[in-house]
C-alpha atoms as a PDB file:
ATOM      1  CA  MET A   1       0.000   0.000   0.000  1.00  0.00           C
ATOM      2  CA  LEU A   2       1.072   3.543  -0.630  1.00  0.00           C
ATOM      3  CA  GLU A   3       0.632   4.507   3.001  1.00  0.00           C
ATOM      4  CA  VAL A   4       3.149   1.926   4.172  1.00  0.00           C
ATOM      5  CA  GLU A   5       5.568   2.303   1.257  1.00  0.00           C
ATOM      6  CA  PHE A   6       5.921   6.077   1.621  1.00  0.00           C
ATOM      7  CA  ASN A   7       5.017   6.401   5.306  1.00  0.00           C
ATOM      8  CA  LEU A   8       2.101   8.729   4.516  1.00  0.00           C
ATOM      9  CA  ASP A   9      -1.486   8.553   5.641  1.00  0.00           C
ATOM     10  CA  TYR A  10      -4.479   8.551   3.273  1.00  0.00           C
ATOM     11  CA  TYR A  11      -5.108  12.302   3.555  1.00  0.00           C
ATOM     12  CA  GLU A  12      -1.478  13.186   2.921  1.00  0.00           C
ATOM     13  CA  ILE A  13      -1.472  11.093  -0.248  1.00  0.00           C
ATOM     14  CA  ASN A  14      -4.646  12.795  -1.492  1.00  0.00           C
ATOM     15  CA  SER A  15      -3.224  16.247  -0.813  1.00  0.00           C
ATOM     16  CA  LEU A  16       0.026  15.653  -2.749  1.00  0.00           C
ATOM     17  CA  ASN A  17      -1.647  16.394  -6.067  1.00  0.00           C
ATOM     18  CA  LYS A  18      -5.189  17.737  -6.284  1.00  0.00           C
ATOM     19  CA  ASP A  19      -5.742  15.980  -9.652  1.00  0.00           C
ATOM     20  CA  PHE A  20      -4.623  12.555  -8.399  1.00  0.00           C
ATOM     21  CA  LYS A  21      -7.229  10.433  -6.656  1.00  0.00           C
ATOM     22  CA  PRO A  22      -6.009   6.978  -5.591  1.00  0.00           C
ATOM     23  CA  ALA A  23      -9.456   5.371  -5.837  1.00  0.00           C
ATOM     24  CA  GLN A  24      -9.939   6.625  -9.400  1.00  0.00           C
ATOM     25  CA  PHE A  25      -6.463   5.453 -10.354  1.00  0.00           C
ATOM     26  CA  ILE A  26      -7.101   1.955  -8.967  1.00  0.00           C
ATOM     27  CA  LYS A  27     -10.490   1.730 -10.694  1.00  0.00           C
ATOM     28  CA  LYS A  28      -8.952   2.775 -14.024  1.00  0.00           C
ATOM     29  CA  GLU A  29      -6.084   0.296 -13.687  1.00  0.00           C
ATOM     30  CA  ARG A  30      -8.460  -2.585 -12.831  1.00  0.00           C
ATOM     31  CA  SER A  31     -10.677  -1.702 -15.779  1.00  0.00           C
ATOM     32  CA  GLU A  32      -7.740  -1.519 -18.203  1.00  0.00           C
ATOM     33  CA  LEU A  33      -6.384  -4.856 -16.986  1.00  0.00           C
ATOM     34  CA  ALA A  34      -9.810  -6.479 -17.411  1.00  0.00           C
ATOM     35  CA  LYS A  35     -10.063  -5.081 -20.951  1.00  0.00           C
ATOM     36  CA  LYS A  36      -6.581  -6.284 -21.864  1.00  0.00           C
ATOM     37  CA  MET A  37      -7.297  -9.761 -20.519  1.00  0.00           C
ATOM     38  CA  LEU A  38     -10.674  -9.951 -22.294  1.00  0.00           C
ATOM     39  CA  LEU A  39      -9.028  -8.996 -25.574  1.00  0.00           C
ATOM     40  CA  ASN A  40      -6.419 -11.708 -24.990  1.00  0.00           C
ATOM     41  CA  LYS A  41      -9.227 -14.255 -24.522  1.00  0.00           C
ATOM     42  CA  LYS A  42      -8.375 -15.088 -20.910  1.00  0.00           C
ATOM     43  CA  LEU A  43     -10.851 -17.074 -18.837  1.00  0.00           C
ATOM     44  CA  ILE A  44     -13.431 -15.044 -16.930  1.00  0.00           C
ATOM     45  CA  SER A  45     -12.390 -16.798 -13.713  1.00  0.00           C
ATOM     46  CA  GLU A  46      -8.761 -15.755 -14.250  1.00  0.00           C
ATOM     47  CA  ILE A  47      -9.770 -12.153 -14.981  1.00  0.00           C
ATOM     48  CA  ALA A  48     -11.930 -12.087 -11.851  1.00  0.00           C
ATOM     49  CA  THR A  49      -9.055 -13.354  -9.731  1.00  0.00           C
ATOM     50  CA  LYS A  50      -6.547 -10.837 -11.122  1.00  0.00           C
ATOM     51  CA  THR A  51      -8.815  -7.770 -11.107  1.00  0.00           C
ATOM     52  CA  GLY A  52     -11.048  -8.337  -8.090  1.00  0.00           C
ATOM     53  CA  TYR A  53     -14.233  -8.090 -10.140  1.00  0.00           C
ATOM     54  CA  SER A  54     -16.736 -10.899  -9.664  1.00  0.00           C
ATOM     55  CA  GLU A  55     -17.296 -13.309 -12.537  1.00  0.00           C
ATOM     56  CA  THR A  56     -20.958 -12.271 -12.672  1.00  0.00           C
ATOM     57  CA  TYR A  57     -20.009  -8.591 -12.952  1.00  0.00           C
ATOM     58  CA  LEU A  58     -17.542  -9.331 -15.729  1.00  0.00           C
ATOM     59  CA  LEU A  59     -20.066 -11.372 -17.698  1.00  0.00           C
ATOM     60  CA  LYS A  60     -22.769  -8.703 -17.340  1.00  0.00           C
ATOM     61  CA  ASN A  61     -20.439  -5.821 -18.220  1.00  0.00           C
ATOM     62  CA  LYS A  62     -18.111  -7.479 -20.724  1.00  0.00           C
ATOM     63  CA  TYR A  63     -18.906  -5.001 -23.499  1.00  0.00           C
ATOM     64  CA  LYS A  64     -18.472  -2.030 -21.157  1.00  0.00           C
ATOM     65  CA  PHE A  65     -14.818  -3.007 -20.787  1.00  0.00           C
ATOM     66  CA  LEU A  66     -14.329  -3.528 -24.517  1.00  0.00           C
ATOM     67  CA  ARG A  67     -15.392  -0.075 -25.680  1.00  0.00           C
END
């Protein structure tokens, strides 16, 4: 975690750069990884394990990731 790695608390991390939001960054990274794995024809179960999304969510929103 960033807090441990840089010895900063959550609020200090958020105040470093007003445009950087850790939650948005993580969400974007997870989404991009899911898209990349879907395009590479990986198994839904593998994508779910790597990204933290549930298999059901991935199946329902597959085309959302591919746009």
